[in-house]
Amino acid sequence: MSDTEETGIRLQKALAQAGIASRRNSELLIEQGRVEVDGVVVTEFGTRVDPAVSVIRVDGERIPPLTDHAYIVFNKPRGVVTTMSDPQGRPCIADYVHDRPERLFHIGRLDTDTEGLLLLTNHGEFAHRLAHPSYEVSKTYVAEVDGNVKPGVLRQLLDGVKLEDGPAQADTVKIVSSVKGRTLIQITLHEGRNRIVRRMFDAVGHPVKRLTRTAIGPVRRGNLHTGELRDLDQKELGQLLDLVDL
């Protein structure tokens, strides 16, 4: 029976194709009980899988299937419009991805005056789920706000503040630094209503002067400079696929 028959390919070949290890070392991973397929530990070398649909994990980490889809993280500069074109001629995302062969679109958005992480893809279902509030993918921001923020304000943000379109609350919030008349705050929340972070800080009397998104779920800005983009790495993509049940 060949690897090209409808029953799929051997698990060790799938691991090798995904760049996890050579076929021989992939066999060792299987032998050691470190590989799961669809939630079941596999120790049989002859096990066949369909890499496009089987959920494969090594040491508990999701191994994304080989795909033609693109998954990109972009560190959007302040002043860039979150669109793929702009009739007014303002800088937009397309200016940064014009050399990519894929037809990309952005997942969610950032205000023009907000900088930081955006995800771009050509995978429609992935984008739909990641943007959908039911999956509660967290987003982390660093906000420079007016005034010296007291602990009671942090408690307000955690307990929830009333906005015109309903209450909003932070998952976590902490003061990074404070100088006279300015406070730097890190805030994480799992919803993406329009200008939500700015409106929350307005509601507690500390308007935002500068805002940067530093993380989307497991994806961190790290050393990605403003205006740069990179492909999601295998671990990040696997974690995001898990988060949105794909």
Protein backbone atom coordinates (compact mmCIF):
# COMPACT_ATOMS: atom_id res chain seq x y z
CA MET A 1 0.00 0.00 0.00
CA SER A 2 1.51 3.36 -1.00
CA ASP A 3 1.51 6.66 0.90
CA THR A 4 -0.66 8.23 -1.80
CA GLU A 5 -3.72 6.03 -1.33
CA GLU A 6 -6.92 7.49 0.13
CA THR A 7 -6.16 6.11 3.57
CA GLY A 8 -3.73 8.98 4.09
CA ILE A 9 0.00 9.02 4.76
CA ARG A 10 2.05 7.47 7.50
CA LEU A 11 2.23 9.55 10.66
CA GLN A 12 6.02 9.73 10.63
CA LYS A 13 5.91 11.11 7.09
CA ALA A 14 3.37 13.73 8.14
CA LEU A 15 5.63 14.81 11.00
CA ALA A 16 8.63 14.98 8.67
CA GLN A 17 6.69 17.03 6.11
CA ALA A 18 5.70 19.45 8.88
CA GLY A 19 9.37 19.94 9.70
CA ILE A 20 9.14 18.40 13.17
CA ALA A 21 11.93 15.86 12.70
CA SER A 22 13.38 13.42 10.20
CA ARG A 23 11.31 10.30 9.56
CA ARG A 24 13.61 8.29 11.80
CA ASN A 25 13.41 10.80 14.65
CA SER A 26 9.67 11.07 14.09
CA GLU A 27 9.46 7.32 14.67
CA LEU A 28 11.30 7.83 17.95
CA LEU A 29 8.75 10.48 18.99
CA ILE A 30 5.94 8.03 18.20
CA GLU A 31 7.68 5.19 20.02
CA GLN A 32 8.09 7.39 23.10
CA GLY A 33 4.36 8.13 23.21
CA ARG A 34 4.83 11.84 22.53
CA VAL A 35 2.51 12.05 19.52
CA GLU A 36 -1.28 12.36 19.58
CA VAL A 37 -3.70 12.14 16.70
CA ASP A 38 -7.20 13.48 17.31
CA GLY A 39 -6.70 13.28 21.05
CA VAL A 40 -5.33 9.71 21.14
CA VAL A 41 -1.67 8.86 21.84
CA VAL A 42 -0.29 6.87 18.91
CA THR A 43 2.60 4.42 19.24
CA GLU A 44 2.08 2.44 16.01
CA PHE A 45 4.45 3.32 13.16
CA GLY A 46 1.92 2.22 10.55
CA THR A 47 -0.75 4.70 11.63
CA ARG A 48 -2.04 6.72 8.70
CA VAL A 49 -3.40 10.24 8.92
CA ASP A 50 -4.82 12.92 6.67
CA PRO A 51 -2.65 15.94 7.58
CA ALA A 52 -5.30 18.31 6.26
CA VAL A 53 -7.93 17.23 8.79
CA SER A 54 -6.21 15.21 11.54
CA VAL A 55 -5.31 17.16 14.69
CA ILE A 56 -1.72 16.13 15.39
CA ARG A 57 0.17 17.12 18.54
CA VAL A 58 3.74 16.53 19.69
CA ASP A 59 4.34 16.92 23.42
CA GLY A 60 0.88 18.50 23.61
CA GLU A 61 1.60 21.22 21.03
CA ARG A 62 -0.58 21.45 17.94
CA ILE A 63 1.23 20.83 14.65
CA PRO A 64 -0.48 22.89 11.94
CA PRO A 65 -1.05 21.11 8.62
CA LEU A 66 0.84 22.10 5.50
CA THR A 67 -1.34 24.65 3.74
CA ASP A 68 -1.39 27.21 0.96
CA HIS A 69 -2.96 29.72 3.34
CA ALA A 70 -0.94 32.67 4.59
CA TYR A 71 -0.92 33.71 8.25
CA ILE A 72 0.96 36.96 8.87
CA VAL A 73 1.49 39.28 11.81
CA PHE A 74 1.99 42.98 10.99
CA ASN A 75 3.19 45.68 13.36
CA LYS A 76 1.04 48.55 12.10
CA PRO A 77 2.52 52.03 12.43
CA ARG A 78 0.53 54.88 13.89
CA GLY A 79 -1.18 56.83 11.10
CA VAL A 80 -1.71 53.84 8.81
CA VAL A 81 -5.35 53.16 7.90
CA THR A 82 -6.56 49.59 8.54
CA THR A 83 -7.79 49.00 5.00
CA MET A 84 -6.32 47.34 1.92
CA SER A 85 -6.91 50.50 -0.14
CA ASP A 86 -7.75 54.11 0.60
CA PRO A 87 -9.50 56.45 -1.86
CA GLN A 88 -8.06 59.44 0.00
CA GLY A 89 -4.53 58.26 -0.67
CA ARG A 90 -3.61 57.78 3.00
CA PRO A 91 -1.04 55.13 3.97
CA CYS A 92 -2.77 51.75 4.33
CA ILE A 93 -1.90 48.09 4.88
CA ALA A 94 -1.56 47.40 1.15
CA ASP A 95 1.52 49.62 1.11
CA TYR A 96 3.30 47.05 3.29
CA VAL A 97 2.18 43.81 1.61
CA HIS A 98 2.27 44.78 -2.09
CA ASP A 99 5.03 42.23 -2.76
CA ARG A 100 3.10 39.30 -1.25
CA PRO A 101 1.54 36.96 -3.87
CA GLU A 102 -1.54 36.18 -1.76
CA ARG A 103 -4.74 38.22 -1.69
CA LEU A 104 -4.58 39.16 1.98
CA PHE A 105 -7.12 40.75 4.28
CA HIS A 106 -6.85 41.92 7.86
CA ILE A 107 -8.54 40.26 10.85
CA GLY A 108 -10.28 42.94 12.88
CA ARG A 109 -8.83 46.40 12.83
CA LEU A 110 -6.86 49.05 14.67
CA ASP A 111 -7.74 52.73 14.74
CA THR A 112 -5.59 54.89 12.48
CA ASP A 113 -4.00 56.53 15.53
CA THR A 114 -3.32 53.16 17.23
CA GLU A 115 -0.21 51.15 16.44
CA GLY A 116 0.67 47.53 17.00
CA LEU A 117 -0.24 44.01 16.02
CA LEU A 118 -2.66 43.03 13.27
CA LEU A 119 -3.11 39.58 11.79
CA LEU A 120 -3.43 39.18 8.02
CA THR A 121 -4.53 36.06 6.18
CA ASN A 122 -6.24 34.65 3.11
CA HIS A 123 -8.06 31.98 5.15
CA GLY A 124 -11.66 33.11 5.45
CA GLU A 125 -12.94 30.73 8.12
CA PHE A 126 -9.88 31.31 10.30
CA ALA A 127 -10.40 35.07 10.05
CA HIS A 128 -14.12 34.80 10.78
CA ARG A 129 -13.62 32.73 13.90
CA LEU A 130 -10.69 34.72 15.23
CA ALA A 131 -12.71 37.94 14.96
CA HIS A 132 -15.88 36.43 16.44
CA PRO A 133 -16.46 37.41 20.09
CA SER A 134 -17.61 33.89 21.05
CA TYR A 135 -14.02 32.61 20.83
CA GLU A 136 -12.82 35.31 23.26
CA VAL A 137 -9.30 35.68 21.88
CA SER A 138 -7.46 38.04 24.23
CA LYS A 139 -5.74 41.23 23.09
CA THR A 140 -3.14 43.11 25.10
CA TYR A 141 -2.44 46.84 24.82
CA VAL A 142 -0.07 49.32 26.37
CA ALA A 143 -1.77 52.68 26.87
CA GLU A 144 -0.20 55.98 27.80
CA VAL A 145 -2.96 57.87 29.60
CA ASP A 146 -3.45 61.30 31.10
CA GLY A 147 -3.01 61.65 34.84
CA ASN A 148 -1.64 59.48 37.63
CA VAL A 149 -3.81 56.38 37.85
CA LYS A 150 -4.76 55.21 41.33
CA PRO A 151 -5.38 51.54 42.30
CA GLY A 152 -9.11 52.21 42.55
CA VAL A 153 -9.20 53.00 38.84
CA LEU A 154 -7.64 49.64 38.04
CA ARG A 155 -10.37 48.00 40.11
CA GLN A 156 -13.01 49.89 38.12
CA LEU A 157 -11.58 48.58 34.86
CA LEU A 158 -11.52 45.01 36.18
CA ASP A 159 -15.04 45.23 37.59
CA GLY A 160 -16.36 46.79 34.38
CA VAL A 161 -17.31 50.26 33.19
CA LYS A 162 -20.53 51.36 31.52
CA LEU A 163 -20.28 52.43 27.89
CA GLU A 164 -23.02 53.60 25.54
CA ASP A 165 -23.10 50.18 23.83
CA GLY A 166 -22.94 48.12 27.04
CA PRO A 167 -20.49 47.32 29.84
CA ALA A 168 -16.84 46.50 29.19
CA GLN A 169 -14.21 45.10 31.51
CA ALA A 170 -10.54 44.25 31.49
CA ASP A 171 -9.25 40.72 32.02
CA THR A 172 -6.02 42.05 33.52
CA VAL A 173 -4.64 45.53 34.04
CA LYS A 174 -1.43 46.81 35.62
CA ILE A 175 0.58 49.99 35.87
CA VAL A 176 3.86 49.75 33.95
CA SER A 177 5.22 53.14 34.96
CA SER A 178 4.05 56.54 36.16
CA VAL A 179 5.50 60.02 35.94
CA LYS A 180 3.94 63.35 36.80
CA GLY A 181 0.76 63.70 34.78
CA ARG A 182 1.18 60.46 32.73
CA THR A 183 0.72 56.74 33.39
CA LEU A 184 1.69 53.77 31.24
CA ILE A 185 -0.76 50.90 31.68
CA GLN A 186 -0.91 47.37 30.25
CA ILE A 187 -4.45 46.12 29.74
CA THR A 188 -5.77 42.81 28.38
CA LEU A 189 -9.34 42.19 27.27
CA HIS A 190 -11.06 39.71 24.99
CA GLU A 191 -13.41 41.85 22.97
CA GLY A 192 -12.88 44.16 20.04
CA ARG A 193 -15.62 46.76 19.95
CA ASN A 194 -14.75 49.97 18.17
CA ARG A 195 -12.21 52.07 20.11
CA ILE A 196 -13.00 49.98 23.19
CA VAL A 197 -9.76 50.66 25.10
CA ARG A 198 -9.92 54.40 24.51
CA ARG A 199 -13.56 54.54 25.58
CA MET A 200 -12.87 52.55 28.74
CA PHE A 201 -10.14 54.93 29.82
CA ASP A 202 -12.32 57.93 28.94
CA ALA A 203 -15.00 56.44 31.21
CA VAL A 204 -12.63 56.37 34.19
CA GLY A 205 -11.30 59.87 33.55
CA HIS A 206 -7.91 59.05 32.04
CA PRO A 207 -7.95 59.75 28.28
CA VAL A 208 -5.50 57.77 26.14
CA LYS A 209 -2.67 59.74 24.57
CA ARG A 210 -0.97 56.82 22.80
CA LEU A 211 -2.06 53.22 22.33
CA THR A 212 -0.18 50.14 21.14
CA ARG A 213 -1.46 46.58 20.76
CA THR A 214 1.32 44.28 21.89
CA ALA A 215 -0.31 40.82 21.73
CA ILE A 216 -3.16 38.89 20.13
CA GLY A 217 -3.72 35.63 22.00
CA PRO A 218 -0.35 33.83 22.01
CA VAL A 219 1.15 36.15 19.37
CA ARG A 220 3.56 38.69 20.86
CA ARG A 221 5.21 41.70 19.26
CA GLY A 222 8.68 40.65 20.42
CA ASN A 223 11.37 42.15 18.20
CA LEU A 224 9.02 42.95 15.30
CA HIS A 225 9.70 46.58 14.48
CA THR A 226 7.02 49.08 13.51
CA GLY A 227 6.08 48.60 9.86
CA GLU A 228 7.49 45.07 9.70
CA LEU A 229 5.62 41.82 9.10
CA ARG A 230 6.43 38.15 9.49
CA ASP A 231 4.72 34.80 9.09
CA LEU A 232 3.26 33.29 12.22
CA ASP A 233 5.52 30.56 13.51
CA GLN A 234 4.29 26.99 13.85
CA LYS A 235 3.65 27.22 17.58
CA GLU A 236 1.66 30.47 17.31
CA LEU A 237 -0.45 29.14 14.45
CA GLY A 238 -1.12 25.87 16.25
CA GLN A 239 -2.27 27.72 19.36
CA LEU A 240 -4.54 30.01 17.35
CA LEU A 241 -6.07 27.07 15.49
CA ASP A 242 -6.81 25.50 18.86
CA LEU A 243 -8.33 28.73 20.17
CA VAL A 244 -10.81 28.88 17.29
CA ASP A 245 -11.47 25.12 17.09
CA LEU A 246 -10.01 24.57 13.62
